[in-house]
C-alpha atoms as a PDB file:
ATOM      1  CA  MET A   1     172.495 299.094  43.812  1.00  0.00           C
ATOM      2  CA  ILE A   2     174.114 299.863  40.739  1.00  0.00           C
ATOM      3  CA  ARG A   3     175.366 297.428  38.468  1.00  0.00           C
ATOM      4  CA  PRO A   4     177.929 298.158  36.064  1.00  0.00           C
ATOM      5  CA  THR A   5     176.650 296.952  32.088  1.00  0.00           C
ATOM      6  CA  SER A   6     178.133 295.071  29.713  1.00  0.00           C
ATOM      7  CA  PHE A   7     176.267 296.408  26.798  1.00  0.00           C
ATOM      8  CA  ARG A   8     179.255 297.786  24.171  1.00  0.00           C
ATOM      9  CA  LEU A   9     178.012 299.765  21.371  1.00  0.00           C
ATOM     10  CA  PRO A  10     178.733 297.349  17.889  1.00  0.00           C
ATOM     11  CA  GLN A  11     182.172 298.515  15.893  1.00  0.00           C
ATOM     12  CA  TYR A  12     180.437 299.574  12.951  1.00  0.00           C
ATOM     13  CA  ILE A  13     178.556 302.223  14.179  1.00  0.00           C
ATOM     14  CA  VAL A  14     182.327 303.450  16.528  1.00  0.00           C
ATOM     15  CA  ASP A  15     183.776 303.402  12.881  1.00  0.00           C
ATOM     16  CA  LYS A  16     180.724 305.494  10.987  1.00  0.00           C
ATOM     17  CA  VAL A  17     180.937 307.706  14.162  1.00  0.00           C
ATOM     18  CA  SER A  18     184.911 308.196  14.110  1.00  0.00           C
ATOM     19  CA  GLN A  19     184.236 308.559   9.939  1.00  0.00           C
ATOM     20  CA  LEU A  20     182.027 311.639  10.898  1.00  0.00           C
ATOM     21  CA  MET A  21     184.690 313.142  13.207  1.00  0.00           C
ATOM     22  CA  ASP A  22     187.209 312.915  10.739  1.00  0.00           C
ATOM     23  CA  ILE A  23     184.983 314.912   8.395  1.00  0.00           C
ATOM     24  CA  LEU A  24     184.479 317.208  11.220  1.00  0.00           C
ATOM     25  CA  ARG A  25     188.226 317.427  11.758  1.00  0.00           C
ATOM     26  CA  SER A  26     189.086 317.855   7.971  1.00  0.00           C
ATOM     27  CA  GLU A  27     186.543 320.088   7.348  1.00  0.00           C
ATOM     28  CA  LYS A  28     187.554 322.393  10.491  1.00  0.00           C
ATOM     29  CA  GLN A  29     191.191 322.836   8.738  1.00  0.00           C
ATOM     30  CA  LYS A  30     189.927 324.022   5.694  1.00  0.00           C
ATOM     31  CA  TYR A  31     187.529 326.302   7.321  1.00  0.00           C
ATOM     32  CA  GLU A  32     190.495 327.236   9.311  1.00  0.00           C
ATOM     33  CA  ILE A  33     192.077 328.138   5.897  1.00  0.00           C
ATOM     34  CA  ALA A  34     189.362 329.709   4.786  1.00  0.00           C
ATOM     35  CA  SER A  35     188.625 332.266   7.744  1.00  0.00           C
ATOM     36  CA  ILE A  36     192.314 333.541   7.236  1.00  0.00           C
ATOM     37  CA  SER A  37     191.928 334.568   3.517  1.00  0.00           C
ATOM     38  CA  VAL A  38     188.781 336.232   4.036  1.00  0.00           C
ATOM     39  CA  LYS A  39     189.100 339.905   4.638  1.00  0.00           C
ATOM     40  CA  ASP A  40     185.642 340.629   5.206  1.00  0.00           C
ATOM     41  CA  LYS A  41     185.877 340.709   9.508  1.00  0.00           C
ATOM     42  CA  GLN A  42     181.638 339.182   9.806  1.00  0.00           C
ATOM     43  CA  LEU A  43     182.080 336.275   6.925  1.00  0.00           C
ATOM     44  CA  ARG A  44     185.745 335.645   8.911  1.00  0.00           C
ATOM     45  CA  ASP A  45     183.987 335.745  12.463  1.00  0.00           C
ATOM     46  CA  SER A  46     181.211 332.967  10.828  1.00  0.00           C
ATOM     47  CA  ILE A  47     183.470 330.802   9.020  1.00  0.00           C
ATOM     48  CA  SER A  48     186.153 330.590  12.365  1.00  0.00           C
ATOM     49  CA  TRP A  49     182.981 330.232  14.487  1.00  0.00           C
ATOM     50  CA  LEU A  50     182.465 327.105  12.065  1.00  0.00           C
ATOM     51  CA  ALA A  51     185.844 325.590  12.896  1.00  0.00           C
ATOM     52  CA  GLN A  52     185.119 326.279  16.372  1.00  0.00           C
ATOM     53  CA  GLU A  53     181.845 324.115  16.654  1.00  0.00           C
ATOM     54  CA  SER A  54     183.193 321.719  14.429  1.00  0.00           C
ATOM     55  CA  ASN A  55     186.099 321.500  17.019  1.00  0.00           C
ATOM     56  CA  GLN A  56     184.035 321.346  20.166  1.00  0.00           C
ATOM     57  CA  TYR A  57     181.690 319.165  18.066  1.00  0.00           C
ATOM     58  CA  ILE A  58     185.221 316.262  17.789  1.00  0.00           C
ATOM     59  CA  CYS A  59     185.454 317.150  21.741  1.00  0.00           C
ATOM     60  CA  GLU A  60     181.674 316.435  22.801  1.00  0.00           C
ATOM     61  CA  LEU A  61     181.289 313.030  20.433  1.00  0.00           C
ATOM     62  CA  THR A  62     184.793 311.707  21.946  1.00  0.00           C
ATOM     63  CA  SER A  63     184.319 312.281  25.323  1.00  0.00           C
ATOM     64  CA  GLN A  64     180.857 310.466  24.605  1.00  0.00           C
ATOM     65  CA  LEU A  65     181.976 307.145  22.772  1.00  0.00           C
ATOM     66  CA  LYS A  66     185.001 307.429  25.586  1.00  0.00           C
ATOM     67  CA  SER A  67     182.378 307.218  28.161  1.00  0.00           C
ATOM     68  CA  ILE A  68     180.397 304.221  26.290  1.00  0.00           C
ATOM     69  CA  GLY A  69     183.289 302.270  26.547  1.00  0.00           C
ATOM     70  CA  ALA A  70     184.281 302.629  22.775  1.00  0.00           C
ATOM     71  CA  VAL A  71     188.432 302.723  22.201  1.00  0.00           C
ATOM     72  CA  VAL A  72     188.673 306.233  20.315  1.00  0.00           C
ATOM     73  CA  ALA A  73     191.677 306.829  18.283  1.00  0.00           C
ATOM     74  CA  ILE A  74     192.533 309.946  18.674  1.00  0.00           C
ATOM     75  CA  ASP A  75     194.221 311.897  15.221  1.00  0.00           C
ATOM     76  CA  THR A  76     197.001 314.291  15.578  1.00  0.00           C
ATOM     77  CA  GLU A  77     196.935 315.091  11.751  1.00  0.00           C
ATOM     78  CA  GLU A  78     196.288 319.444  12.816  1.00  0.00           C
ATOM     79  CA  ASN A  79     199.830 319.072  13.831  1.00  0.00           C
ATOM     80  CA  ASN A  80     201.170 317.308  10.551  1.00  0.00           C
ATOM     81  CA  GLN A  81     199.181 319.966   8.589  1.00  0.00           C
ATOM     82  CA  SER A  82     201.386 322.149   6.521  1.00  0.00           C
ATOM     83  CA  SER A  83     201.671 325.707   6.900  1.00  0.00           C
ATOM     84  CA  SER A  84     201.399 327.076   3.671  1.00  0.00           C
ATOM     85  CA  THR A  85     200.131 330.738   2.860  1.00  0.00           C
ATOM     86  CA  PRO A  86     196.800 329.787   1.438  1.00  0.00           C
ATOM     87  CA  PRO A  87     196.450 332.230  -2.354  1.00  0.00           C
ATOM     88  CA  VAL A  88     195.462 335.514  -2.506  1.00  0.00           C
ATOM     89  CA  PHE A  89     191.248 336.252  -4.781  1.00  0.00           C
ATOM     90  CA  THR A  90     190.569 339.260  -5.111  1.00  0.00           C
ATOM     91  CA  GLU A  91     187.291 339.858  -2.672  1.00  0.00           C
ATOM     92  CA  ALA A  92     184.801 338.759  -4.951  1.00  0.00           C
ATOM     93  CA  GLN A  93     186.545 335.557  -6.054  1.00  0.00           C
ATOM     94  CA  LEU A  94     187.204 334.797  -2.478  1.00  0.00           C
ATOM     95  CA  SER A  95     183.868 335.421  -1.216  1.00  0.00           C
ATOM     96  CA  SER A  96     181.836 333.714  -4.433  1.00  0.00           C
ATOM     97  CA  ASN A  97     184.396 330.598  -3.614  1.00  0.00           C
ATOM     98  CA  VAL A  98     184.221 330.091   0.013  1.00  0.00           C
ATOM     99  CA  ILE A  99     180.294 330.561  -0.086  1.00  0.00           C
ATOM    100  CA  GLN A 100     180.543 327.486  -2.813  1.00  0.00           C
ATOM    101  CA  PHE A 101     182.937 325.754  -0.474  1.00  0.00           C
ATOM    102  CA  CYS A 102     180.648 326.136   2.970  1.00  0.00           C
ATOM    103  CA  LYS A 103     178.094 325.242   1.098  1.00  0.00           C
ATOM    104  CA  ASP A 104     179.488 321.675  -0.667  1.00  0.00           C
ATOM    105  CA  SER A 105     180.565 321.165   3.563  1.00  0.00           C
ATOM    106  CA  GLU A 106     177.184 321.803   4.410  1.00  0.00           C
ATOM    107  CA  LYS A 107     176.051 319.072   2.082  1.00  0.00           C
ATOM    108  CA  MET A 108     179.107 316.381   3.278  1.00  0.00           C
ATOM    109  CA  ILE A 109     178.653 317.264   6.851  1.00  0.00           C
ATOM    110  CA  ILE A 110     174.947 316.716   6.820  1.00  0.00           C
ATOM    111  CA  SER A 111     175.052 313.384   5.087  1.00  0.00           C
ATOM    112  CA  ALA A 112     177.500 312.205   7.366  1.00  0.00           C
ATOM    113  CA  TYR A 113     175.310 312.804  10.471  1.00  0.00           C
ATOM    114  CA  ARG A 114     172.163 311.770   8.868  1.00  0.00           C
ATOM    115  CA  VAL A 115     174.033 307.883   8.211  1.00  0.00           C
ATOM    116  CA  VAL A 116     175.031 308.129  11.486  1.00  0.00           C
ATOM    117  CA  LEU A 117     171.720 309.037  13.061  1.00  0.00           C
ATOM    118  CA  ASN A 118     169.773 306.242  10.698  1.00  0.00           C
ATOM    119  CA  GLU A 119     171.805 303.299  12.603  1.00  0.00           C
ATOM    120  CA  PRO A 120     169.237 301.344  14.356  1.00  0.00           C
ATOM    121  CA  TYR A 121     171.403 300.460  17.199  1.00  0.00           C
ATOM    122  CA  LEU A 122     172.694 303.685  18.277  1.00  0.00           C
ATOM    123  CA  VAL A 123     172.260 304.555  21.904  1.00  0.00           C
ATOM    124  CA  GLU A 124     169.955 307.090  22.802  1.00  0.00           C
ATOM    125  CA  GLY A 125     172.232 309.572  24.565  1.00  0.00           C
ATOM    126  CA  LEU A 126     174.368 309.485  21.420  1.00  0.00           C
ATOM    127  CA  ARG A 127     171.500 309.637  19.540  1.00  0.00           C
ATOM    128  CA  THR A 128     170.392 312.792  21.082  1.00  0.00           C
ATOM    129  CA  LEU A 129     173.951 314.073  20.779  1.00  0.00           C
ATOM    130  CA  ILE A 130     174.366 313.573  17.350  1.00  0.00           C
ATOM    131  CA  ARG A 131     170.826 315.311  16.419  1.00  0.00           C
ATOM    132  CA  GLN A 132     171.338 318.333  18.878  1.00  0.00           C
ATOM    133  CA  GLN A 133     174.786 318.435  16.625  1.00  0.00           C
ATOM    134  CA  LEU A 134     173.174 318.480  13.254  1.00  0.00           C
ATOM    135  CA  ASN A 135     171.088 321.214  13.906  1.00  0.00           C
ATOM    136  CA  GLY A 136     173.751 323.500  15.695  1.00  0.00           C
ATOM    137  CA  ILE A 137     175.417 322.971  12.717  1.00  0.00           C
ATOM    138  CA  MET A 138     172.656 323.610   9.991  1.00  0.00           C
ATOM    139  CA  TYR A 139     172.215 326.915  12.036  1.00  0.00           C
ATOM    140  CA  ALA A 140     175.563 328.068  11.919  1.00  0.00           C
ATOM    141  CA  PHE A 141     175.600 327.249   8.156  1.00  0.00           C
ATOM    142  CA  LEU A 142     172.248 328.897   8.094  1.00  0.00           C
ATOM    143  CA  GLN A 143     173.947 332.194   9.553  1.00  0.00           C
ATOM    144  CA  LEU A 144     176.715 332.344   7.033  1.00  0.00           C
ATOM    145  CA  LYS A 145     174.349 331.888   3.562  1.00  0.00           C
ATOM    146  CA  LEU A 146     172.154 335.076   5.262  1.00  0.00           C
ATOM    147  CA  LEU A 147     175.149 336.808   6.418  1.00  0.00           C
ATOM    148  CA  TYR A 148     176.957 336.316   2.528  1.00  0.00           C
ATOM    149  CA  LYS A 149     172.870 337.048   1.363  1.00  0.00           C
ATOM    150  CA  LEU A 150     172.526 340.678   3.414  1.00  0.00           C
ATOM    151  CA  LYS A 151     176.527 341.548   2.339  1.00  0.00           C
ATOM    152  CA  SER A 152     176.058 340.738  -1.840  1.00  0.00           C
ATOM    153  CA  GLU A 153     172.495 343.347  -1.776  1.00  0.00           C
END
């Protein structure tokens, strides 16, 4: 017979995962702005893919937390974002700025994932999901860096 469990995820872990989701959400918005600014189609598609992947990861984490029974506050900051036009740069400035932004973003996101993964009381299903997401985001950044290196040669 299947019995309901009374296990609840500790609130500080929910808070850390929520912080990770907030970082992913803010970086997703920055990726969208950066992809609009880039003229190179392949680079634009790679950055758009990062935004799409970040959004997917936010949804996966939200669903996983809800299935565990944690209360998740859903941010609607995306709707409050102003629709200002991004500044115009030359192609050389833009590509170097975008790549530097992506490198900084990569460090911040990987750091946020590792903070959550270092928690000893993280549920195994959530730990597996976060590991897979970390591998996916690292792969996406690797592809972007390889594409940039190929374009700059």
